[in-house]
């Protein structure tokens, strides 16, 4: 059963998400809510792993270059393109300011229905 309370929104950019401890690219943003996100990655991620992540923001945001947050991987499966994995993350520790940036991303840069 899907526990998601917020509707996923696809963003018009594939924003890069890095492990903030290693600076290695974890993947690219596919969709996002105020509660979490889905990435596409060349490498799988074990469910239940907590990571400190850094998402690079579009230049049009002007406020900051990136947001930093802790997230937990909830699931990982092969993507439609078998060269990649889709990974679902839940935000665990993210500042109120960065949540507001996520809301702006959703409002300003998501595909509208």
Protein backbone atom coordinates (compact mmCIF):
# COMPACT_ATOMS: atom_id res chain seq x y z
CA UNK A 1 0.00 0.00 0.00
CA UNK A 2 1.30 3.44 -0.94
CA UNK A 3 1.80 5.62 2.17
CA UNK A 4 2.53 8.77 0.17
CA UNK A 5 0.49 11.77 1.32
CA UNK A 6 1.77 14.36 -1.16
CA UNK A 7 1.41 14.05 -4.90
CA UNK A 8 4.66 13.45 -6.79
CA UNK A 9 5.65 16.21 -9.17
CA UNK A 10 7.98 15.79 -12.13
CA UNK A 11 10.45 18.66 -12.43
CA UNK A 12 11.45 20.04 -15.84
CA UNK A 13 15.14 19.68 -14.89
CA UNK A 14 17.10 16.56 -14.03
CA UNK A 15 18.72 18.08 -10.95
CA UNK A 16 21.88 16.36 -9.72
CA UNK A 17 21.94 14.88 -6.23
CA UNK A 18 25.26 14.12 -4.53
CA UNK A 19 26.31 12.27 -1.40
CA UNK A 20 27.44 15.33 0.58
CA UNK A 21 30.05 13.31 2.52
CA UNK A 22 31.86 11.91 -0.54
CA UNK A 23 30.76 14.44 -3.20
CA UNK A 24 29.97 11.48 -5.47
CA UNK A 25 26.99 11.81 -7.79
CA UNK A 26 24.17 9.66 -6.41
CA UNK A 27 21.70 10.33 -9.22
CA UNK A 28 19.36 12.76 -10.90
CA UNK A 29 15.99 13.93 -9.64
CA UNK A 30 12.97 12.42 -11.40
CA UNK A 31 10.17 13.66 -9.13
CA UNK A 32 9.75 15.33 -5.77
CA UNK A 33 7.29 16.11 -2.98
CA UNK A 34 7.76 17.97 0.30
CA UNK A 35 8.23 14.53 1.90
CA UNK A 36 10.73 12.91 -0.44
CA UNK A 37 11.99 12.30 -3.96
CA UNK A 38 12.72 9.72 -6.62
CA UNK A 39 16.12 9.57 -8.28
CA UNK A 40 17.46 7.72 -11.27
CA UNK A 41 20.94 6.31 -10.71
CA UNK A 42 23.53 4.12 -12.38
CA UNK A 43 24.10 2.38 -9.03
CA UNK A 44 21.53 0.68 -6.75
CA UNK A 45 20.92 1.88 -3.18
CA UNK A 46 20.07 -0.51 -0.38
CA UNK A 47 16.71 0.30 1.27
CA UNK A 48 17.04 1.68 4.80
CA UNK A 49 20.29 3.58 4.19
CA UNK A 50 20.45 7.12 5.61
CA UNK A 51 22.54 9.61 3.65
CA UNK A 52 23.43 13.28 3.85
CA UNK A 53 22.60 14.60 0.39
CA UNK A 54 23.18 17.75 -1.62
CA UNK A 55 20.84 18.76 -4.46
CA UNK A 56 22.15 21.29 -6.97
CA UNK A 57 19.44 23.85 -7.75
CA UNK A 58 18.63 25.43 -11.12
CA UNK A 59 20.37 28.76 -11.75
CA UNK A 60 16.93 30.38 -12.01
CA UNK A 61 16.37 29.80 -8.27
CA UNK A 62 18.87 32.62 -7.46
CA UNK A 63 18.52 32.01 -3.71
CA UNK A 64 21.21 29.40 -3.23
CA UNK A 65 23.29 26.97 -5.22
CA UNK A 66 22.15 23.82 -3.40
CA UNK A 67 20.15 22.39 -0.54
CA UNK A 68 21.51 19.94 2.05
CA UNK A 69 19.39 17.33 3.79
CA UNK A 70 19.35 13.85 5.32
CA UNK A 71 17.24 11.24 3.54
CA UNK A 72 16.56 7.52 3.83
CA UNK A 73 16.32 5.19 0.86
CA UNK A 74 12.95 3.43 1.02
CA UNK A 75 13.10 1.31 -2.12
CA UNK A 76 15.24 0.62 -5.17
CA UNK A 77 14.34 -1.16 -8.41
CA UNK A 78 15.53 -1.40 -11.99
CA UNK A 79 14.32 1.50 -14.09
CA UNK A 80 12.46 1.07 -17.39
CA UNK A 81 15.90 1.65 -18.90
CA UNK A 82 17.77 -1.38 -17.48
CA UNK A 83 21.03 0.60 -17.34
CA UNK A 84 19.59 2.59 -14.41
CA UNK A 85 17.90 2.18 -11.04
CA UNK A 86 14.97 4.15 -9.63
CA UNK A 87 15.40 4.96 -5.94
CA UNK A 88 12.79 6.40 -3.58
CA UNK A 89 13.95 8.59 -0.69
CA UNK A 90 12.16 10.09 2.29
CA UNK A 91 13.41 13.40 3.69
CA UNK A 92 14.41 12.96 7.35
CA UNK A 93 16.21 16.16 8.29
CA UNK A 94 15.69 19.19 6.08
CA UNK A 95 15.47 22.82 7.14
CA UNK A 96 12.25 24.81 6.86
CA UNK A 97 14.01 27.15 4.41
CA UNK A 98 14.99 24.21 2.21
CA UNK A 99 11.44 22.80 2.37
CA UNK A 100 10.30 26.19 1.08
CA UNK A 101 12.82 25.85 -1.76
CA UNK A 102 11.38 22.40 -2.55
CA UNK A 103 7.92 23.98 -2.64
CA UNK A 104 9.24 26.63 -5.04
CA UNK A 105 10.78 23.92 -7.22
CA UNK A 106 7.43 22.14 -7.37
CA UNK A 107 5.50 25.34 -8.10
CA UNK A 108 7.92 26.96 -10.56
CA UNK A 109 9.59 24.01 -12.30
CA UNK A 110 7.14 21.09 -12.34
CA UNK A 111 5.05 19.92 -15.26
CA UNK A 112 1.54 21.25 -14.77
CA UNK A 113 -1.47 18.96 -15.19
